[in-house]
């Protein structure tokens, strides 16, 4: 078996295994990290988002819930969309009025999870399977770019 770089058996048992999908372009990486972690307002918005990728987050609900002005909430939601963390869409609501909602981009689910306590997650099994799948296929894709096969990855994982 190949030598391991990280001794997982020595990691604190209270550590939650976050999986991070980050842009490979350094400029986009810096922009993403600075854009999110450099803004308390964006973090507050992300804390309001359920930890499930297919849950709609309605703009109106965020505006009513958050302690910021409408303009500030909308500006920060737009910036989260520009960072490809959220994407916006619209649907007809009650009475036929159009309402704006946001969904978390699948590979950005990890970012929402950074702001959740594991005990808050009632869909942890779904999250684990979704992130494991995303992570596995991302690793396989990256491995292929470096002349490794999926079987090489599976062998390293003991599968």
Foldseek 3Di string as FASTA:
>chain_A
DDDDPDDVVPDPPQDDDFDADADPPPVLRCCLCCLQVVDPLNLVVLQPDALDQVDKAWLVVCCVPDPDHSVVSVVSVVVCVVSQQKPKDWDQDPPRDITIIIGGDLNNSSVSVVNDDPVVHPPVVVVVVSVVVVVLVVVQVVCVVVVHHSVNVCVVVVD
